[in-house]
């Protein structure tokens, strides 16, 4: 049974407005753009000769599936956040200061 009170209707209205962008708390921060830049950097690194392995192959496939609109539909921000420890480890292992700085910024502002 639906509530007819004004407060409930206002709360439902607020929820529908927030559903437009799930990252409402990051208003004014280009989290998606920054995530895409980091994703591009990460993919370029992991596609270099000798850098491939089963983990990064699977990671790339999840991203390709997202782009194709199939599979687990995880956007770049989600994929990066879910794998942040592996990404940090790779950047540290490779001495990739640019990648580490971009990852730190994304973690601080968007995760």
N, C-alpha and C. Protein backbone atom coordinates (compact mmCIF):
# COMPACT_ATOMS: atom_id res chain seq x y z
N UNK A 1 0.84 -1.17 0.00
CA UNK A 1 0.00 0.00 0.00
C UNK A 1 0.89 1.24 0.00
N UNK A 2 0.67 2.12 -0.93
CA UNK A 2 1.50 3.30 -1.10
C UNK A 2 1.12 4.38 -0.10
N UNK A 3 2.11 5.09 0.38
CA UNK A 3 1.90 6.19 1.31
C UNK A 3 1.54 7.44 0.50
N UNK A 4 0.58 8.20 0.97
CA UNK A 4 0.15 9.39 0.25
C UNK A 4 0.70 10.67 0.89
N UNK A 5 1.53 10.52 1.93
CA UNK A 5 2.01 11.71 2.63
C UNK A 5 3.00 12.50 1.77
N UNK A 6 3.08 13.80 2.01
CA UNK A 6 3.93 14.69 1.21
C UNK A 6 5.41 14.33 1.36
N UNK A 7 5.84 13.96 2.57
CA UNK A 7 7.25 13.63 2.80
C UNK A 7 7.66 12.41 1.98
N UNK A 8 6.80 11.40 1.94
CA UNK A 8 7.12 10.19 1.19
C UNK A 8 7.23 10.50 -0.30
N UNK A 9 6.29 11.30 -0.81
CA UNK A 9 6.33 11.67 -2.23
C UNK A 9 7.59 12.46 -2.55
N UNK A 10 7.98 13.37 -1.67
CA UNK A 10 9.19 14.16 -1.88
C UNK A 10 10.42 13.26 -1.87
N UNK A 11 10.47 12.30 -0.96
CA UNK A 11 11.60 11.37 -0.89
C UNK A 11 11.68 10.52 -2.15
N UNK A 12 10.55 10.06 -2.63
CA UNK A 12 10.53 9.26 -3.86
C UNK A 12 10.98 10.09 -5.05
N UNK A 13 10.59 11.36 -5.07
CA UNK A 13 11.01 12.26 -6.14
C UNK A 13 12.52 12.46 -6.11
N UNK A 14 13.07 12.65 -4.89
CA UNK A 14 14.52 12.80 -4.74
C UNK A 14 15.25 11.56 -5.23
N UNK A 15 14.74 10.37 -4.93
CA UNK A 15 15.37 9.12 -5.35
C UNK A 15 15.40 9.02 -6.87
N UNK A 16 14.31 9.40 -7.52
CA UNK A 16 14.28 9.29 -8.98
C UNK A 16 15.25 10.27 -9.61
N UNK A 17 15.43 11.45 -9.03
CA UNK A 17 16.40 12.41 -9.54
C UNK A 17 17.82 11.90 -9.35
N UNK A 18 18.09 11.26 -8.22
CA UNK A 18 19.42 10.73 -7.94
C UNK A 18 19.74 9.53 -8.80
N UNK A 19 18.75 8.81 -9.25
CA UNK A 19 18.98 7.62 -10.06
C UNK A 19 19.59 7.96 -11.40
N UNK A 20 19.50 9.22 -11.81
CA UNK A 20 20.07 9.63 -13.08
C UNK A 20 21.58 9.47 -13.07
N UNK A 21 22.23 9.79 -11.98
CA UNK A 21 23.68 9.70 -11.87
C UNK A 21 24.02 9.04 -10.55
N UNK A 22 24.56 7.83 -10.60
CA UNK A 22 24.84 7.13 -9.35
C UNK A 22 26.00 7.73 -8.58
N UNK A 23 26.76 8.64 -9.20
CA UNK A 23 27.89 9.28 -8.55
C UNK A 23 27.55 10.71 -8.15
N UNK A 24 26.37 10.92 -7.60
CA UNK A 24 25.89 12.24 -7.25
C UNK A 24 26.84 12.94 -6.28
N UNK A 25 27.42 12.21 -5.35
CA UNK A 25 28.29 12.83 -4.36
C UNK A 25 29.58 13.36 -4.97
N UNK A 26 29.84 13.02 -6.22
CA UNK A 26 31.05 13.50 -6.90
C UNK A 26 30.72 14.61 -7.88
N UNK A 27 29.64 15.34 -7.64
CA UNK A 27 29.22 16.42 -8.52
C UNK A 27 30.38 17.40 -8.71
N UNK A 28 30.63 17.76 -9.95
CA UNK A 28 31.69 18.72 -10.25
C UNK A 28 33.05 18.08 -10.43
N UNK A 29 33.18 16.79 -10.18
CA UNK A 29 34.44 16.06 -10.36
C UNK A 29 34.24 15.12 -11.54
N UNK A 30 35.14 15.14 -12.48
CA UNK A 30 35.00 14.29 -13.67
C UNK A 30 35.55 12.89 -13.38
N UNK A 31 34.86 12.17 -12.51
CA UNK A 31 35.31 10.83 -12.13
C UNK A 31 35.32 9.89 -13.34
N UNK A 32 34.29 9.97 -14.14
CA UNK A 32 34.23 9.07 -15.30
C UNK A 32 35.33 9.39 -16.31
N UNK A 33 35.59 10.67 -16.54
CA UNK A 33 36.66 11.07 -17.45
C UNK A 33 38.03 10.67 -16.92
N UNK A 34 38.25 10.89 -15.62
CA UNK A 34 39.52 10.51 -15.01
C UNK A 34 39.69 8.99 -15.01
N UNK A 35 38.61 8.27 -14.78
CA UNK A 35 38.66 6.81 -14.81
C UNK A 35 39.01 6.33 -16.22
N UNK A 36 38.44 6.97 -17.23
CA UNK A 36 38.72 6.56 -18.61
C UNK A 36 40.18 6.82 -18.97
N UNK A 37 40.72 7.95 -18.53
CA UNK A 37 42.14 8.24 -18.78
C UNK A 37 43.03 7.19 -18.13
N UNK A 38 42.72 6.84 -16.89
CA UNK A 38 43.51 5.83 -16.19
C UNK A 38 43.34 4.47 -16.87
N UNK A 39 42.14 4.16 -17.29
CA UNK A 39 41.89 2.89 -17.99
C UNK A 39 42.72 2.83 -19.28
N UNK A 40 42.73 3.91 -20.03
CA UNK A 40 43.53 3.95 -21.27
C UNK A 40 45.01 3.73 -20.97
N UNK A 41 45.49 4.37 -19.92
CA UNK A 41 46.89 4.23 -19.52
C UNK A 41 47.20 2.79 -19.12
N UNK A 42 46.32 2.22 -18.32
CA UNK A 42 46.50 0.85 -17.85
C UNK A 42 46.47 -0.15 -19.01
N UNK A 43 45.52 0.02 -19.91
CA UNK A 43 45.43 -0.89 -21.05
C UNK A 43 46.67 -0.80 -21.93
N UNK A 44 47.17 0.41 -22.15
CA UNK A 44 48.38 0.58 -22.95
C UNK A 44 49.56 -0.14 -22.29
N UNK A 45 49.66 -0.04 -20.98
CA UNK A 45 50.74 -0.71 -20.26
C UNK A 45 50.62 -2.22 -20.34
N UNK A 46 49.42 -2.75 -20.10
CA UNK A 46 49.26 -4.20 -20.05
C UNK A 46 49.27 -4.84 -21.44
N UNK A 47 49.17 -4.04 -22.49
CA UNK A 47 49.23 -4.58 -23.85
C UNK A 47 50.65 -4.62 -24.41
N UNK A 48 51.61 -4.10 -23.66
CA UNK A 48 52.99 -4.13 -24.11
C UNK A 48 53.51 -5.57 -24.09
N UNK A 49 54.45 -5.88 -24.98
CA UNK A 49 55.01 -7.23 -25.00
C UNK A 49 55.57 -7.63 -23.63
N UNK A 50 55.27 -8.83 -23.22
CA UNK A 50 55.75 -9.35 -21.95
C UNK A 50 54.91 -8.95 -20.75
N UNK A 51 53.88 -8.13 -20.95
CA UNK A 51 53.07 -7.67 -19.82
C UNK A 51 51.77 -8.45 -19.68
N UNK A 52 51.44 -9.25 -20.65
CA UNK A 52 50.18 -9.99 -20.60
C UNK A 52 50.24 -11.16 -19.64
N UNK A 53 49.13 -11.43 -19.03
CA UNK A 53 48.93 -12.63 -18.22
C UNK A 53 47.43 -12.87 -18.14
N UNK A 54 47.03 -13.96 -17.55
CA UNK A 54 45.62 -14.33 -17.52
C UNK A 54 44.77 -13.27 -16.81
N UNK A 55 45.30 -12.67 -15.74
CA UNK A 55 44.53 -11.66 -15.02
C UNK A 55 44.23 -10.46 -15.89
N UNK A 56 45.27 -9.88 -16.50
CA UNK A 56 45.07 -8.68 -17.31
C UNK A 56 44.30 -8.99 -18.58
N UNK A 57 44.44 -10.21 -19.11
CA UNK A 57 43.62 -10.60 -20.26
C UNK A 57 42.14 -10.60 -19.88
N UNK A 58 41.81 -11.13 -18.71
CA UNK A 58 40.43 -11.16 -18.23
C UNK A 58 39.92 -9.75 -17.95
N UNK A 59 40.77 -8.93 -17.36
CA UNK A 59 40.42 -7.53 -17.08
C UNK A 59 40.07 -6.81 -18.38
N UNK A 60 40.93 -6.94 -19.39
CA UNK A 60 40.67 -6.31 -20.69
C UNK A 60 39.38 -6.83 -21.31
N UNK A 61 39.11 -8.14 -21.17
CA UNK A 61 37.90 -8.71 -21.73
C UNK A 61 36.66 -8.14 -21.05
N UNK A 62 36.72 -7.93 -19.75
CA UNK A 62 35.59 -7.32 -19.04
C UNK A 62 35.32 -5.91 -19.57
N UNK A 63 36.38 -5.19 -19.85
CA UNK A 63 36.23 -3.84 -20.38
C UNK A 63 35.66 -3.87 -21.80
N UNK A 64 36.15 -4.78 -22.62
CA UNK A 64 35.64 -4.94 -23.98
C UNK A 64 34.16 -5.32 -23.94
N UNK A 65 33.80 -6.21 -23.04
CA UNK A 65 32.40 -6.60 -22.89
C UNK A 65 31.54 -5.41 -22.49
N UNK A 66 32.07 -4.57 -21.59
CA UNK A 66 31.34 -3.36 -21.19
C UNK A 66 31.10 -2.46 -22.41
N UNK A 67 32.14 -2.27 -23.21
CA UNK A 67 32.02 -1.42 -24.39
C UNK A 67 31.02 -1.98 -25.39
N UNK A 68 30.94 -3.30 -25.47
CA UNK A 68 30.04 -3.96 -26.41
C UNK A 68 28.62 -4.10 -25.84
N UNK A 69 28.43 -3.72 -24.57
CA UNK A 69 27.11 -3.81 -23.96
C UNK A 69 26.70 -5.22 -23.60
N UNK A 70 27.68 -6.07 -23.35
CA UNK A 70 27.35 -7.44 -22.94
C UNK A 70 28.17 -7.81 -21.72
N UNK A 71 27.88 -8.93 -21.17
CA UNK A 71 28.63 -9.39 -20.00
C UNK A 71 28.24 -8.62 -18.76
N UNK A 72 29.21 -8.38 -17.91
CA UNK A 72 28.96 -7.77 -16.60
C UNK A 72 28.83 -6.25 -16.64
N UNK A 73 28.79 -5.61 -17.69
CA UNK A 73 28.49 -4.17 -17.80
C UNK A 73 29.10 -3.30 -16.70
N UNK A 74 30.33 -3.57 -16.31
CA UNK A 74 31.00 -2.72 -15.32
C UNK A 74 31.74 -1.61 -16.04
N UNK A 75 31.44 -0.37 -15.67
CA UNK A 75 32.09 0.77 -16.30
C UNK A 75 33.54 0.89 -15.82
N UNK A 76 34.34 1.74 -16.48
CA UNK A 76 35.74 1.86 -16.09
C UNK A 76 35.95 2.19 -14.62
N UNK A 77 35.15 3.09 -14.07
CA UNK A 77 35.33 3.45 -12.66
C UNK A 77 35.13 2.23 -11.76
N UNK A 78 34.13 1.43 -12.05
CA UNK A 78 33.90 0.23 -11.26
C UNK A 78 35.05 -0.77 -11.42
N UNK A 79 35.46 -1.02 -12.65
CA UNK A 79 36.54 -1.98 -12.88
C UNK A 79 37.83 -1.56 -12.19
N UNK A 80 38.15 -0.28 -12.27
CA UNK A 80 39.37 0.21 -11.62
C UNK A 80 39.26 0.09 -10.10
N UNK A 81 38.12 0.46 -9.57
CA UNK A 81 37.93 0.40 -8.12
C UNK A 81 38.00 -1.04 -7.62
N UNK A 82 37.38 -1.95 -8.34
CA UNK A 82 37.35 -3.36 -7.92
C UNK A 82 38.73 -4.02 -7.99
N UNK A 83 39.63 -3.44 -8.75
CA UNK A 83 40.96 -4.04 -8.95
C UNK A 83 42.09 -3.11 -8.54
N UNK A 84 41.79 -2.15 -7.67
CA UNK A 84 42.74 -1.10 -7.32
C UNK A 84 44.06 -1.67 -6.77
N UNK A 85 44.01 -2.72 -5.99
CA UNK A 85 45.23 -3.25 -5.39
C UNK A 85 46.14 -3.87 -6.45
N UNK A 86 45.55 -4.55 -7.41
CA UNK A 86 46.34 -5.15 -8.50
C UNK A 86 46.93 -4.07 -9.40
N UNK A 87 46.16 -3.03 -9.64
CA UNK A 87 46.62 -1.93 -10.48
C UNK A 87 47.78 -1.21 -9.80
N UNK A 88 47.61 -0.92 -8.52
CA UNK A 88 48.69 -0.25 -7.77
C UNK A 88 49.95 -1.11 -7.79
N UNK A 89 49.79 -2.40 -7.57
CA UNK A 89 50.93 -3.31 -7.57
C UNK A 89 51.65 -3.28 -8.93
N UNK A 90 50.89 -3.29 -10.00
CA UNK A 90 51.49 -3.25 -11.34
C UNK A 90 52.24 -1.94 -11.56
N UNK A 91 51.62 -0.81 -11.22
CA UNK A 91 52.28 0.48 -11.40
C UNK A 91 53.56 0.57 -10.57
N UNK A 92 53.50 0.09 -9.34
CA UNK A 92 54.69 0.12 -8.48
C UNK A 92 55.78 -0.79 -9.06
N UNK A 93 55.39 -1.97 -9.49
CA UNK A 93 56.34 -2.92 -10.07
C UNK A 93 57.03 -2.36 -11.31
N UNK A 94 56.29 -1.58 -12.09
CA UNK A 94 56.82 -1.01 -13.33
C UNK A 94 57.44 0.38 -13.12
N UNK A 95 57.38 0.89 -11.92
CA UNK A 95 57.91 2.24 -11.66
C UNK A 95 57.14 3.31 -12.43
N UNK A 96 55.86 3.11 -12.60
CA UNK A 96 55.01 3.99 -13.39
C UNK A 96 54.45 5.11 -12.50
N UNK A 97 55.21 6.19 -12.38
CA UNK A 97 54.81 7.30 -11.51
C UNK A 97 53.55 8.00 -12.04
N UNK A 98 53.43 8.13 -13.35
CA UNK A 98 52.25 8.76 -13.93
C UNK A 98 50.99 7.95 -13.58
N UNK A 99 51.08 6.64 -13.71
CA UNK A 99 49.96 5.77 -13.37
C UNK A 99 49.62 5.86 -11.90
N UNK A 100 50.64 5.86 -11.04
CA UNK A 100 50.40 5.95 -9.60
C UNK A 100 49.74 7.27 -9.22
N UNK A 101 50.18 8.37 -9.82
CA UNK A 101 49.58 9.67 -9.52
C UNK A 101 48.12 9.71 -9.96
N UNK A 102 47.84 9.18 -11.15
CA UNK A 102 46.46 9.15 -11.64
C UNK A 102 45.59 8.26 -10.75
N UNK A 103 46.15 7.14 -10.32
CA UNK A 103 45.41 6.23 -9.44
C UNK A 103 45.14 6.88 -8.09
N UNK A 104 46.15 7.54 -7.53
CA UNK A 104 45.97 8.24 -6.25
C UNK A 104 44.88 9.29 -6.36
N UNK A 105 44.88 10.05 -7.44
CA UNK A 105 43.87 11.09 -7.64
C UNK A 105 42.48 10.47 -7.72
N UNK A 106 42.36 9.40 -8.48
CA UNK A 106 41.06 8.74 -8.63
C UNK A 106 40.59 8.17 -7.29
N UNK A 107 41.50 7.55 -6.55
CA UNK A 107 41.14 7.00 -5.24
C UNK A 107 40.69 8.10 -4.28
N UNK A 108 41.42 9.18 -4.26
CA UNK A 108 41.12 10.26 -3.33
C UNK A 108 39.80 10.96 -3.66
N UNK A 109 39.53 11.16 -4.94
CA UNK A 109 38.38 11.94 -5.33
C UNK A 109 37.12 11.13 -5.65
N UNK A 110 37.30 9.87 -6.08
CA UNK A 110 36.17 9.18 -6.68
C UNK A 110 35.82 7.81 -6.10
N UNK A 111 36.69 7.20 -5.32
CA UNK A 111 36.37 5.85 -4.80
C UNK A 111 35.73 5.96 -3.44
